[in-house]
Amino acid sequence: MTTRRVTLADVARRAGLSSSAASMILNGRPDTRLSKDASDRVHRAAAELGYRPNVAARSLRVDKTQTIGFISDTVASTRFASGLIKGALAAAEQAEHVILLAETGGDPTRETEAIAALLDRQVDGIVFATMRSREVVAPVLPDNTRLVLLNATSDSHSTSVLPDEERGGRAAVSLLADAGHREGIVLLGHSQEIERDVFRSTTVARRLAGTRAEMQDRGLTFEREESIWEWAPQQGFTAVEALLAEPVLPRALLCLNDPLAFGAYQALTERGLRVPDDVSIVSFDNDEIASYLRPGLTTIALPHEGMGARAVELLLDGTAPHGEHLVEMPVIVRASIRQV
């Protein structure tokens, strides 16, 4: 047996007021001259009856549905980037909005279909997110539908939320330098000489720019730079295994992401070397496994939850400036850097 939906008229009847008076109170109209007692009666009646406003009817009055579309390539099905959605959901809930999620696998046809489906549901705006930071072709939307790119950039759309990779790169170098490391530092994942004319992505370029700028500012140079195209554990293992076969061991490794650092840990362990007693390591991203390594891996985290929340805030703030909005990358200090 279904339960009849509680209406505004039911609330007004219990509070002993007209429906229009109850409506003004529940909608927070500042120009109402009703007494505090009347306001208290209406809110008490609504709570007792379990009244929920008719969102569809309200959207017709104010031209807002309080829904946000969230389109991603593989964010929802990828453990590492799920914080983007978690942050967006938290910010939407805070603003009393709901999120409609669509995942496309990066297929342009599915993206078009997802956008059409969300527009049919009259979302107030769309967050377009990518699992890894990259440049995208921003979807074409009606003029009255706001769009914020999350973890992505586009030549055709200027509002985006990104991690502050340059400051993150500087922070990684600072951790080593402040611990006294000045010699024997190896950059694992990129070689300026070998990859001089190679472009990976804007975010990788900024991570490297921050790293190199901080090295220069502190009067430091890398002992070696190891070019690795695929930043995966096996490639990190192979590169460090080769380094350890040489007469002089590195004193510190600056790994450009955590999977490379995982491989480095394994190569060092197989040689009977210890982190950080023999070799210090700092990395990027704060993958979940970083906290389970022993010793724990010090890393510069991707602020996924903060980025997701910021994207929703920008979407709902009609006065927010266009352009890139950078979110600071937290420094996660564990035990992989030795004080020299």
C-alpha atoms as a PDB file:
ATOM      1  CA  MET A   1       0.000   0.000   0.000  1.00  0.00           C
ATOM      2  CA  THR A   2       1.490   3.356  -1.045  1.00  0.00           C
ATOM      3  CA  THR A   3       1.594   6.336   1.301  1.00  0.00           C
ATOM      4  CA  ARG A   4       0.135   9.614   0.070  1.00  0.00           C
ATOM      5  CA  ARG A   5       2.711  12.355  -0.371  1.00  0.00           C
ATOM      6  CA  VAL A   6       2.466  15.096   2.252  1.00  0.00           C
ATOM      7  CA  THR A   7       1.554  18.372   0.573  1.00  0.00           C
ATOM      8  CA  LEU A   8       2.110  22.006   1.428  1.00  0.00           C
ATOM      9  CA  ALA A   9      -1.636  22.242   2.151  1.00  0.00           C
ATOM     10  CA  ASP A  10      -1.263  19.521   4.807  1.00  0.00           C
ATOM     11  CA  VAL A  11       1.510  21.497   6.511  1.00  0.00           C
ATOM     12  CA  ALA A  12      -0.482  24.731   6.363  1.00  0.00           C
ATOM     13  CA  ARG A  13      -3.577  23.020   7.781  1.00  0.00           C
ATOM     14  CA  ARG A  14      -1.691  21.616  10.761  1.00  0.00           C
ATOM     15  CA  ALA A  15       0.028  24.958  11.397  1.00  0.00           C
ATOM     16  CA  GLY A  16      -3.297  26.811  11.175  1.00  0.00           C
ATOM     17  CA  LEU A  17      -2.155  29.075   8.326  1.00  0.00           C
ATOM     18  CA  SER A  18      -2.891  29.541   4.643  1.00  0.00           C
ATOM     19  CA  SER A  19      -0.882  27.614   2.042  1.00  0.00           C
ATOM     20  CA  SER A  20       0.627  30.859   0.734  1.00  0.00           C
ATOM     21  CA  ALA A  21       1.827  31.830   4.225  1.00  0.00           C
ATOM     22  CA  ALA A  22       3.325  28.374   4.796  1.00  0.00           C
ATOM     23  CA  SER A  23       5.026  28.575   1.396  1.00  0.00           C
ATOM     24  CA  MET A  24       6.623  31.936   2.168  1.00  0.00           C
ATOM     25  CA  ILE A  25       7.961  30.629   5.468  1.00  0.00           C
ATOM     26  CA  LEU A  26       9.359  27.377   4.065  1.00  0.00           C
ATOM     27  CA  ASN A  27      10.963  29.200   1.136  1.00  0.00           C
ATOM     28  CA  GLY A  28      12.616  31.699   3.455  1.00  0.00           C
ATOM     29  CA  ARG A  29      10.995  34.756   1.892  1.00  0.00           C
ATOM     30  CA  PRO A  30      12.636  37.783   3.584  1.00  0.00           C
ATOM     31  CA  ASP A  31       9.640  40.060   2.950  1.00  0.00           C
ATOM     32  CA  THR A  32       7.124  38.030   4.960  1.00  0.00           C
ATOM     33  CA  ARG A  33       5.602  39.796   7.982  1.00  0.00           C
ATOM     34  CA  LEU A  34       4.474  36.632   9.674  1.00  0.00           C
ATOM     35  CA  SER A  35       5.360  36.183  13.347  1.00  0.00           C
ATOM     36  CA  LYS A  36       8.077  33.953  14.757  1.00  0.00           C
ATOM     37  CA  ASP A  37       5.346  31.841  16.333  1.00  0.00           C
ATOM     38  CA  ALA A  38       3.825  31.258  12.899  1.00  0.00           C
ATOM     39  CA  SER A  39       7.222  30.362  11.484  1.00  0.00           C
ATOM     40  CA  ASP A  40       7.863  27.912  14.322  1.00  0.00           C
ATOM     41  CA  ARG A  41       4.454  26.273  13.822  1.00  0.00           C
ATOM     42  CA  VAL A  42       5.059  25.771  10.101  1.00  0.00           C
ATOM     43  CA  HIS A  43       8.521  24.263  10.544  1.00  0.00           C
ATOM     44  CA  ARG A  44       7.281  22.036  13.360  1.00  0.00           C
ATOM     45  CA  ALA A  45       4.349  20.836  11.249  1.00  0.00           C
ATOM     46  CA  ALA A  46       6.646  20.124   8.293  1.00  0.00           C
ATOM     47  CA  ALA A  47       8.953  18.066  10.501  1.00  0.00           C
ATOM     48  CA  GLU A  48       6.115  16.136  12.145  1.00  0.00           C
ATOM     49  CA  LEU A  49       4.482  15.291   8.828  1.00  0.00           C
ATOM     50  CA  GLY A  50       7.741  14.519   7.023  1.00  0.00           C
ATOM     51  CA  TYR A  51       7.055  17.139   4.390  1.00  0.00           C
ATOM     52  CA  ARG A  52       9.371  17.271   1.392  1.00  0.00           C
ATOM     53  CA  PRO A  53       9.063  20.121  -1.112  1.00  0.00           C
ATOM     54  CA  ASN A  54       8.106  19.283  -4.682  1.00  0.00           C
ATOM     55  CA  VAL A  55      11.403  19.896  -6.458  1.00  0.00           C
ATOM     56  CA  ALA A  56       9.859  19.652  -9.925  1.00  0.00           C
ATOM     57  CA  ALA A  57       7.279  22.297  -9.125  1.00  0.00           C
ATOM     58  CA  ARG A  58       9.906  24.541  -7.559  1.00  0.00           C
ATOM     59  CA  SER A  59      12.159  24.231 -10.610  1.00  0.00           C
ATOM     60  CA  LEU A  60       9.358  25.587 -12.805  1.00  0.00           C
ATOM     61  CA  ARG A  61       9.118  28.681 -10.588  1.00  0.00           C
ATOM     62  CA  VAL A  62      12.815  29.469 -10.242  1.00  0.00           C
ATOM     63  CA  ASP A  63      14.193  27.905 -13.462  1.00  0.00           C
ATOM     64  CA  LYS A  64      16.572  25.723 -11.411  1.00  0.00           C
ATOM     65  CA  THR A  65      16.418  21.976 -10.839  1.00  0.00           C
ATOM     66  CA  GLN A  66      19.148  21.782  -8.163  1.00  0.00           C
ATOM     67  CA  THR A  67      20.781  18.980 -10.118  1.00  0.00           C
ATOM     68  CA  ILE A  68      24.315  18.853 -11.503  1.00  0.00           C
ATOM     69  CA  GLY A  69      25.527  16.641 -14.323  1.00  0.00           C
ATOM     70  CA  PHE A  70      28.883  14.912 -13.802  1.00  0.00           C
ATOM     71  CA  ILE A  71      30.389  13.375 -16.945  1.00  0.00           C
ATOM     72  CA  SER A  72      33.648  11.425 -16.712  1.00  0.00           C
ATOM     73  CA  ASP A  73      35.738   9.126 -18.837  1.00  0.00           C
ATOM     74  CA  THR A  74      36.726   6.463 -16.276  1.00  0.00           C
ATOM     75  CA  VAL A  75      36.695   8.389 -12.994  1.00  0.00           C
ATOM     76  CA  ALA A  76      33.790   6.448 -11.466  1.00  0.00           C
ATOM     77  CA  SER A  77      35.282   3.025 -12.196  1.00  0.00           C
ATOM     78  CA  THR A  78      38.866   3.920 -11.258  1.00  0.00           C
ATOM     79  CA  ARG A  79      39.746   3.611  -7.580  1.00  0.00           C
ATOM     80  CA  PHE A  80      42.591   6.114  -7.799  1.00  0.00           C
ATOM     81  CA  ALA A  81      40.497   9.020  -9.067  1.00  0.00           C
ATOM     82  CA  SER A  82      37.234   8.334  -7.233  1.00  0.00           C
ATOM     83  CA  GLY A  83      38.023  11.203  -4.858  1.00  0.00           C
ATOM     84  CA  LEU A  84      36.992  13.593  -7.621  1.00  0.00           C
ATOM     85  CA  ILE A  85      33.429  12.273  -7.349  1.00  0.00           C
ATOM     86  CA  LYS A  86      33.530  12.073  -3.559  1.00  0.00           C
ATOM     87  CA  GLY A  87      34.496  15.742  -3.308  1.00  0.00           C
ATOM     88  CA  ALA A  88      31.891  16.779  -5.855  1.00  0.00           C
ATOM     89  CA  LEU A  89      29.154  14.870  -4.002  1.00  0.00           C
ATOM     90  CA  ALA A  90      30.087  16.484  -0.691  1.00  0.00           C
ATOM     91  CA  ALA A  91      29.994  20.002  -2.149  1.00  0.00           C
ATOM     92  CA  ALA A  92      26.713  19.317  -3.943  1.00  0.00           C
ATOM     93  CA  GLU A  93      25.119  18.007  -0.762  1.00  0.00           C
ATOM     94  CA  GLN A  94      26.306  21.082   1.114  1.00  0.00           C
ATOM     95  CA  ALA A  95      24.599  23.241  -1.509  1.00  0.00           C
ATOM     96  CA  GLU A  96      21.446  21.061  -1.410  1.00  0.00           C
ATOM     97  CA  HIS A  97      21.975  19.787  -4.945  1.00  0.00           C
ATOM     98  CA  VAL A  98      22.112  16.269  -6.308  1.00  0.00           C
ATOM     99  CA  ILE A  99      24.509  14.882  -8.908  1.00  0.00           C
ATOM    100  CA  LEU A 100      23.555  12.807 -11.939  1.00  0.00           C
ATOM    101  CA  LEU A 101      26.605  10.770 -12.966  1.00  0.00           C
ATOM    102  CA  ALA A 102      27.441   9.507 -16.448  1.00  0.00           C
ATOM    103  CA  GLU A 103      30.588   7.603 -17.417  1.00  0.00           C
ATOM    104  CA  THR A 104      31.665   7.354 -21.040  1.00  0.00           C
ATOM    105  CA  GLY A 105      34.961   5.494 -21.140  1.00  0.00           C
ATOM    106  CA  GLY A 106      36.251   8.428 -23.171  1.00  0.00           C
ATOM    107  CA  ASP A 107      34.085   7.474 -26.173  1.00  0.00           C
ATOM    108  CA  PRO A 108      33.019  10.679 -28.014  1.00  0.00           C
ATOM    109  CA  THR A 109      29.706   9.117 -29.075  1.00  0.00           C
ATOM    110  CA  ARG A 110      28.845   8.183 -25.499  1.00  0.00           C
ATOM    111  CA  GLU A 111      29.878  11.668 -24.351  1.00  0.00           C
ATOM    112  CA  THR A 112      27.411  13.209 -26.791  1.00  0.00           C
ATOM    113  CA  GLU A 113      24.665  10.866 -25.621  1.00  0.00           C
ATOM    114  CA  ALA A 114      25.433  11.580 -21.956  1.00  0.00           C
ATOM    115  CA  ILE A 115      25.281  15.329 -22.502  1.00  0.00           C
ATOM    116  CA  ALA A 116      21.939  15.022 -24.298  1.00  0.00           C
ATOM    117  CA  ALA A 117      20.535  12.872 -21.497  1.00  0.00           C
ATOM    118  CA  LEU A 118      21.613  15.346 -18.824  1.00  0.00           C
ATOM    119  CA  LEU A 119      20.276  18.332 -20.749  1.00  0.00           C
ATOM    120  CA  ASP A 120      16.964  16.517 -21.158  1.00  0.00           C
ATOM    121  CA  ARG A 121      16.849  16.377 -17.365  1.00  0.00           C
ATOM    122  CA  GLN A 122      17.499  20.122 -17.218  1.00  0.00           C
ATOM    123  CA  VAL A 123      20.618  20.017 -15.061  1.00  0.00           C
ATOM    124  CA  ASP A 124      21.787  23.407 -13.824  1.00  0.00           C
ATOM    125  CA  GLY A 125      25.323  22.777 -15.060  1.00  0.00           C
ATOM    126  CA  ILE A 126      27.826  20.083 -16.013  1.00  0.00           C
ATOM    127  CA  VAL A 127      31.179  19.056 -14.548  1.00  0.00           C
ATOM    128  CA  PHE A 128      33.288  17.355 -17.224  1.00  0.00           C
ATOM    129  CA  ALA A 129      35.992  15.265 -15.535  1.00  0.00           C
ATOM    130  CA  THR A 130      38.910  13.130 -16.673  1.00  0.00           C
ATOM    131  CA  MET A 131      40.732  10.429 -14.754  1.00  0.00           C
ATOM    132  CA  ARG A 132      44.169  11.738 -15.756  1.00  0.00           C
ATOM    133  CA  SER A 133      44.843  15.398 -16.416  1.00  0.00           C
ATOM    134  CA  ARG A 134      44.734  16.063 -20.138  1.00  0.00           C
ATOM    135  CA  GLU A 135      43.502  18.457 -22.788  1.00  0.00           C
ATOM    136  CA  VAL A 136      40.026  17.664 -24.088  1.00  0.00           C
ATOM    137  CA  VAL A 137      37.558  18.906 -26.649  1.00  0.00           C
ATOM    138  CA  ALA A 138      34.988  20.591 -24.424  1.00  0.00           C
ATOM    139  CA  PRO A 139      31.356  19.706 -25.212  1.00  0.00           C
ATOM    140  CA  VAL A 140      29.159  22.336 -26.825  1.00  0.00           C
ATOM    141  CA  LEU A 141      26.339  23.315 -24.466  1.00  0.00           C
ATOM    142  CA  PRO A 142      23.437  25.769 -24.563  1.00  0.00           C
ATOM    143  CA  ASP A 143      24.387  29.297 -23.516  1.00  0.00           C
ATOM    144  CA  ASN A 144      22.507  29.031 -20.226  1.00  0.00           C
ATOM    145  CA  THR A 145      24.214  25.793 -19.124  1.00  0.00           C
ATOM    146  CA  ARG A 146      27.432  26.283 -17.165  1.00  0.00           C
ATOM    147  CA  LEU A 147      30.416  23.977 -17.688  1.00  0.00           C
ATOM    148  CA  VAL A 148      33.465  23.380 -15.484  1.00  0.00           C
ATOM    149  CA  LEU A 149      36.321  21.130 -16.588  1.00  0.00           C
ATOM    150  CA  LEU A 150      37.711  18.975 -13.790  1.00  0.00           C
ATOM    151  CA  ASN A 151      41.267  17.668 -14.091  1.00  0.00           C
ATOM    152  CA  ALA A 152      41.218  18.788 -17.713  1.00  0.00           C
ATOM    153  CA  THR A 153      41.844  21.797 -19.962  1.00  0.00           C
ATOM    154  CA  SER A 154      40.423  22.902 -23.297  1.00  0.00           C
ATOM    155  CA  ASP A 155      41.161  25.643 -25.819  1.00  0.00           C
ATOM    156  CA  SER A 156      37.431  26.226 -26.245  1.00  0.00           C
ATOM    157  CA  HIS A 157      36.495  26.554 -22.577  1.00  0.00           C
ATOM    158  CA  SER A 158      38.355  28.508 -19.935  1.00  0.00           C
ATOM    159  CA  THR A 159      36.976  27.375 -16.559  1.00  0.00           C
ATOM    160  CA  SER A 160      38.925  24.419 -15.215  1.00  0.00           C
ATOM    161  CA  VAL A 161      40.084  22.939 -11.929  1.00  0.00           C
ATOM    162  CA  LEU A 162      43.584  21.441 -11.805  1.00  0.00           C
ATOM    163  CA  PRO A 163      46.159  20.362  -9.225  1.00  0.00           C
ATOM    164  CA  ASP A 164      48.893  22.939  -8.620  1.00  0.00           C
ATOM    165  CA  GLU A 165      51.581  20.744 -10.153  1.00  0.00           C
ATOM    166  CA  GLU A 166      54.293  23.403 -10.292  1.00  0.00           C
ATOM    167  CA  ARG A 167      54.134  24.045  -6.559  1.00  0.00           C
ATOM    168  CA  GLY A 168      53.960  20.283  -6.037  1.00  0.00           C
ATOM    169  CA  GLY A 169      57.191  19.803  -7.977  1.00  0.00           C
ATOM    170  CA  ARG A 170      58.877  22.469  -5.879  1.00  0.00           C
ATOM    171  CA  ALA A 171      57.641  20.804  -2.698  1.00  0.00           C
ATOM    172  CA  ALA A 172      59.155  17.436  -3.649  1.00  0.00           C
ATOM    173  CA  VAL A 173      62.596  18.960  -4.172  1.00  0.00           C
ATOM    174  CA  SER A 174      62.272  20.968  -0.965  1.00  0.00           C
ATOM    175  CA  LEU A 175      61.670  17.793   1.044  1.00  0.00           C
ATOM    176  CA  LEU A 176      64.974  16.330  -0.140  1.00  0.00           C
ATOM    177  CA  ALA A 177      66.937  19.571   0.119  1.00  0.00           C
ATOM    178  CA  ASP A 178      65.619  20.399   3.588  1.00  0.00           C
ATOM    179  CA  ALA A 179      66.686  16.927   4.718  1.00  0.00           C
ATOM    180  CA  GLY A 180      70.246  17.754   3.610  1.00  0.00           C
ATOM    181  CA  HIS A 181      70.358  15.975   0.246  1.00  0.00           C
ATOM    182  CA  ARG A 182      72.542  17.965  -2.135  1.00  0.00           C
ATOM    183  CA  GLU A 183      74.325  15.290  -4.165  1.00  0.00           C
ATOM    184  CA  GLY A 184      73.457  11.983  -5.764  1.00  0.00           C
ATOM    185  CA  ILE A 185      69.813  12.885  -6.527  1.00  0.00           C
ATOM    186  CA  VAL A 186      68.347  10.944  -9.472  1.00  0.00           C
ATOM    187  CA  LEU A 187      65.197  12.006 -11.333  1.00  0.00           C
ATOM    188  CA  LEU A 188      63.224   8.883 -12.204  1.00  0.00           C
ATOM    189  CA  GLY A 189      60.756   9.194 -15.077  1.00  0.00           C
ATOM    190  CA  HIS A 190      62.061  11.939 -17.352  1.00  0.00           C
ATOM    191  CA  SER A 191      65.243  13.056 -19.054  1.00  0.00           C
ATOM    192  CA  GLN A 192      65.464  16.618 -20.311  1.00  0.00           C
ATOM    193  CA  GLU A 193      68.106  15.633 -22.843  1.00  0.00           C
ATOM    194  CA  ILE A 194      66.352  12.574 -24.278  1.00  0.00           C
ATOM    195  CA  GLU A 195      62.827  14.039 -24.200  1.00  0.00           C
ATOM    196  CA  ARG A 196      63.697  17.585 -25.197  1.00  0.00           C
ATOM    197  CA  ASP A 197      61.135  17.712 -28.026  1.00  0.00           C
ATOM    198  CA  VAL A 198      58.570  15.353 -26.465  1.00  0.00           C
ATOM    199  CA  PHE A 199      55.336  16.648 -24.909  1.00  0.00           C
ATOM    200  CA  ARG A 200      53.488  14.421 -22.454  1.00  0.00           C
ATOM    201  CA  SER A 201      50.793  16.664 -20.963  1.00  0.00           C
ATOM    202  CA  THR A 202      50.383  20.132 -19.477  1.00  0.00           C
ATOM    203  CA  THR A 203      50.314  18.781 -15.938  1.00  0.00           C
ATOM    204  CA  VAL A 204      53.450  16.663 -16.400  1.00  0.00           C
ATOM    205  CA  ALA A 205      55.181  19.687 -17.908  1.00  0.00           C
ATOM    206  CA  ARG A 206      54.246  21.773 -14.871  1.00  0.00           C
ATOM    207  CA  ARG A 207      55.356  19.080 -12.425  1.00  0.00           C
ATOM    208  CA  LEU A 208      58.727  18.967 -14.147  1.00  0.00           C
ATOM    209  CA  ALA A 209      58.960  22.757 -14.387  1.00  0.00           C
ATOM    210  CA  GLY A 210      58.423  23.115 -10.643  1.00  0.00           C
ATOM    211  CA  THR A 211      60.927  20.381  -9.907  1.00  0.00           C
ATOM    212  CA  ARG A 212      63.643  21.881 -12.087  1.00  0.00           C
ATOM    213  CA  ALA A 213      62.971  25.451 -10.925  1.00  0.00           C
ATOM    214  CA  GLU A 214      63.370  24.492  -7.267  1.00  0.00           C
ATOM    215  CA  MET A 215      66.540  22.542  -8.019  1.00  0.00           C
ATOM    216  CA  GLN A 216      67.982  25.608  -9.750  1.00  0.00           C
ATOM    217  CA  ASP A 217      66.888  28.001  -7.003  1.00  0.00           C
ATOM    218  CA  ARG A 218      68.667  25.836  -4.429  1.00  0.00           C
ATOM    219  CA  GLY A 219      71.813  25.466  -6.527  1.00  0.00           C
ATOM    220  CA  LEU A 220      71.268  21.742  -7.058  1.00  0.00           C
ATOM    221  CA  THR A 221      71.565  19.504 -10.112  1.00  0.00           C
ATOM    222  CA  PHE A 222      70.353  15.980 -10.734  1.00  0.00           C
ATOM    223  CA  GLU A 223      73.088  13.366 -10.733  1.00  0.00           C
ATOM    224  CA  ARG A 224      71.150  11.577 -13.471  1.00  0.00           C
ATOM    225  CA  GLU A 225      67.824  11.782 -15.216  1.00  0.00           C
ATOM    226  CA  GLU A 226      66.240   8.496 -16.252  1.00  0.00           C
ATOM    227  CA  SER A 227      63.772   8.690 -19.148  1.00  0.00           C
ATOM    228  CA  ILE A 228      60.850   6.321 -18.626  1.00  0.00           C
ATOM    229  CA  TRP A 229      57.838   6.599 -20.897  1.00  0.00           C
ATOM    230  CA  GLU A 230      55.411   4.348 -18.996  1.00  0.00           C
ATOM    231  CA  TRP A 231      55.368   5.303 -15.321  1.00  0.00           C
ATOM    232  CA  ALA A 232      54.595   1.820 -13.996  1.00  0.00           C
ATOM    233  CA  PRO A 233      56.137  -0.377 -11.239  1.00  0.00           C
ATOM    234  CA  GLN A 234      57.964  -2.714 -13.633  1.00  0.00           C
ATOM    235  CA  GLN A 235      59.612   0.202 -15.420  1.00  0.00           C
ATOM    236  CA  GLY A 236      60.641   1.731 -12.090  1.00  0.00           C
ATOM    237  CA  PHE A 237      62.093  -1.594 -10.991  1.00  0.00           C
ATOM    238  CA  THR A 238      64.076  -2.032 -14.225  1.00  0.00           C
ATOM    239  CA  ALA A 239      65.476   1.497 -14.169  1.00  0.00           C
ATOM    240  CA  VAL A 240      66.595   1.326 -10.532  1.00  0.00           C
ATOM    241  CA  GLU A 241      67.994  -2.173 -10.989  1.00  0.00           C
ATOM    242  CA  ALA A 242      70.243  -0.756 -13.733  1.00  0.00           C
ATOM    243  CA  LEU A 243      71.270   2.174 -11.527  1.00  0.00           C
ATOM    244  CA  LEU A 244      72.257  -0.171  -8.726  1.00  0.00           C
ATOM    245  CA  ALA A 245      74.539  -2.132 -11.067  1.00  0.00           C
ATOM    246  CA  GLU A 246      76.814   0.914 -11.381  1.00  0.00           C
ATOM    247  CA  PRO A 247      79.733   1.640  -9.029  1.00  0.00           C
ATOM    248  CA  VAL A 248      78.210   4.706  -7.343  1.00  0.00           C
ATOM    249  CA  LEU A 249      74.791   4.306  -5.745  1.00  0.00           C
ATOM    250  CA  PRO A 250      72.218   7.110  -5.836  1.00  0.00           C
ATOM    251  CA  ARG A 251      71.575   8.810  -2.515  1.00  0.00           C
ATOM    252  CA  ALA A 252      68.024   9.913  -3.305  1.00  0.00           C
ATOM    253  CA  LEU A 253      65.385   9.177  -5.925  1.00  0.00           C
ATOM    254  CA  LEU A 254      62.811  11.741  -7.001  1.00  0.00           C
ATOM    255  CA  CYS A 255      60.162   9.582  -8.674  1.00  0.00           C
ATOM    256  CA  LEU A 256      57.607  11.317 -10.869  1.00  0.00           C
ATOM    257  CA  ASN A 257      54.773   9.111  -9.616  1.00  0.00           C
ATOM    258  CA  ASP A 258      54.105   6.469  -6.984  1.00  0.00           C
ATOM    259  CA  PRO A 259      54.127   3.380  -9.264  1.00  0.00           C
ATOM    260  CA  LEU A 260      57.720   4.204 -10.256  1.00  0.00           C
ATOM    261  CA  ALA A 261      58.547   4.494  -6.563  1.00  0.00           C
ATOM    262  CA  PHE A 262      56.930   1.077  -5.877  1.00  0.00           C
ATOM    263  CA  GLY A 263      59.257  -0.482  -8.443  1.00  0.00           C
ATOM    264  CA  ALA A 264      62.222   1.358  -6.931  1.00  0.00           C
ATOM    265  CA  TYR A 265      61.421  -0.053  -3.466  1.00  0.00           C
ATOM    266  CA  GLN A 266      61.417  -3.591  -4.876  1.00  0.00           C
ATOM    267  CA  ALA A 267      64.730  -3.156  -6.726  1.00  0.00           C
ATOM    268  CA  LEU A 268      66.409  -1.747  -3.626  1.00  0.00           C
ATOM    269  CA  THR A 269      65.057  -4.570  -1.453  1.00  0.00           C
ATOM    270  CA  GLU A 270      66.366  -7.229  -3.831  1.00  0.00           C
ATOM    271  CA  ARG A 271      69.822  -5.680  -3.563  1.00  0.00           C
ATOM    272  CA  GLY A 272      69.629  -5.750   0.224  1.00  0.00           C
ATOM    273  CA  LEU A 273      69.361  -1.955   0.471  1.00  0.00           C
ATOM    274  CA  ARG A 274      66.997  -0.102   2.756  1.00  0.00           C
ATOM    275  CA  VAL A 275      64.775   2.946   2.325  1.00  0.00           C
ATOM    276  CA  PRO A 276      65.694   5.523   3.583  1.00  0.00           C
ATOM    277  CA  ASP A 277      68.907   4.341   5.295  1.00  0.00           C
ATOM    278  CA  ASP A 278      70.663   3.724   1.985  1.00  0.00           C
ATOM    279  CA  VAL A 279      68.473   5.641  -0.483  1.00  0.00           C
ATOM    280  CA  SER A 280      65.824   8.292   0.202  1.00  0.00           C
ATOM    281  CA  ILE A 281      62.701   8.423  -1.990  1.00  0.00           C
ATOM    282  CA  VAL A 282      60.071  11.080  -2.632  1.00  0.00           C
ATOM    283  CA  SER A 283      57.240  10.724  -5.109  1.00  0.00           C
ATOM    284  CA  PHE A 284      53.920  12.119  -6.366  1.00  0.00           C
ATOM    285  CA  ASP A 285      50.191  11.265  -6.326  1.00  0.00           C
ATOM    286  CA  ASN A 286      49.661   9.527  -2.946  1.00  0.00           C
ATOM    287  CA  ASP A 287      48.300   6.309  -4.350  1.00  0.00           C
ATOM    288  CA  GLU A 288      46.621   4.235  -1.641  1.00  0.00           C
ATOM    289  CA  ILE A 289      49.474   1.715  -1.591  1.00  0.00           C
ATOM    290  CA  ALA A 290      51.941   4.471  -0.615  1.00  0.00           C
ATOM    291  CA  SER A 291      50.788   4.235   2.988  1.00  0.00           C
ATOM    292  CA  TYR A 292      51.247   0.439   3.070  1.00  0.00           C
ATOM    293  CA  LEU A 293      54.846   0.400   1.873  1.00  0.00           C
ATOM    294  CA  ARG A 294      57.396  -0.108   4.627  1.00  0.00           C
ATOM    295  CA  PRO A 295      58.676   2.394   5.361  1.00  0.00           C
ATOM    296  CA  GLY A 296      55.764   4.546   4.224  1.00  0.00           C
ATOM    297  CA  LEU A 297      56.357   6.587   1.067  1.00  0.00           C
ATOM    298  CA  THR A 298      56.607  10.366   1.371  1.00  0.00           C
ATOM    299  CA  THR A 299      54.675  11.797  -1.561  1.00  0.00           C
ATOM    300  CA  ILE A 300      53.006  14.892  -2.955  1.00  0.00           C
ATOM    301  CA  ALA A 301      49.291  14.058  -3.116  1.00  0.00           C
ATOM    302  CA  LEU A 302      46.831  14.727  -5.889  1.00  0.00           C
ATOM    303  CA  PRO A 303      44.043  16.698  -4.129  1.00  0.00           C
ATOM    304  CA  HIS A 304      41.187  14.860  -5.831  1.00  0.00           C
ATOM    305  CA  GLU A 305      38.498  15.499  -3.219  1.00  0.00           C
ATOM    306  CA  GLY A 306      39.353  19.184  -2.989  1.00  0.00           C
ATOM    307  CA  MET A 307      39.315  19.461  -6.771  1.00  0.00           C
ATOM    308  CA  GLY A 308      35.901  17.806  -7.050  1.00  0.00           C
ATOM    309  CA  ALA A 309      34.456  20.114  -4.416  1.00  0.00           C
ATOM    310  CA  ARG A 310      35.974  23.189  -6.053  1.00  0.00           C
ATOM    311  CA  ALA A 311      34.478  22.270  -9.442  1.00  0.00           C
ATOM    312  CA  VAL A 312      30.968  22.133  -7.981  1.00  0.00           C
ATOM    313  CA  GLU A 313      31.484  25.398  -6.089  1.00  0.00           C
ATOM    314  CA  LEU A 314      32.567  27.139  -9.295  1.00  0.00           C
ATOM    315  CA  LEU A 315      29.646  25.677 -11.202  1.00  0.00           C
ATOM    316  CA  LEU A 316      27.143  27.032  -8.714  1.00  0.00           C
ATOM    317  CA  ASP A 317      28.845  30.412  -8.285  1.00  0.00           C
ATOM    318  CA  GLY A 318      27.733  32.582 -11.172  1.00  0.00           C
ATOM    319  CA  THR A 319      30.268  35.258 -10.222  1.00  0.00           C
ATOM    320  CA  ALA A 320      33.362  33.015 -10.170  1.00  0.00           C
ATOM    321  CA  PRO A 321      36.099  34.150 -12.578  1.00  0.00           C
ATOM    322  CA  HIS A 322      36.946  32.121 -15.645  1.00  0.00           C
ATOM    323  CA  GLY A 323      40.374  30.586 -16.075  1.00  0.00           C
ATOM    324  CA  GLU A 324      42.333  27.909 -14.270  1.00  0.00           C
ATOM    325  CA  HIS A 325      41.640  27.298 -10.603  1.00  0.00           C
ATOM    326  CA  LEU A 326      44.594  25.495  -9.012  1.00  0.00           C
ATOM    327  CA  VAL A 327      44.204  23.340  -5.911  1.00  0.00           C
ATOM    328  CA  GLU A 328      47.252  22.879  -3.689  1.00  0.00           C
ATOM    329  CA  MET A 329      48.834  19.409  -3.619  1.00  0.00           C
ATOM    330  CA  PRO A 330      49.237  18.305   0.027  1.00  0.00           C
ATOM    331  CA  VAL A 331      52.637  17.083   1.212  1.00  0.00           C
ATOM    332  CA  ILE A 332      52.231  13.639   2.791  1.00  0.00           C
ATOM    333  CA  VAL A 333      55.275  13.045   4.978  1.00  0.00           C
ATOM    334  CA  ARG A 334      55.940   9.429   5.915  1.00  0.00           C
ATOM    335  CA  ALA A 335      59.318   7.790   6.440  1.00  0.00           C
ATOM    336  CA  SER A 336      61.109   7.429   3.099  1.00  0.00           C
ATOM    337  CA  ILE A 337      63.505  10.410   3.413  1.00  0.00           C
ATOM    338  CA  ARG A 338      66.592  10.277   5.626  1.00  0.00           C
ATOM    339  CA  GLN A 339      68.003  13.336   7.369  1.00  0.00           C
ATOM    340  CA  VAL A 340      71.564  13.695   6.123  1.00  0.00           C
END
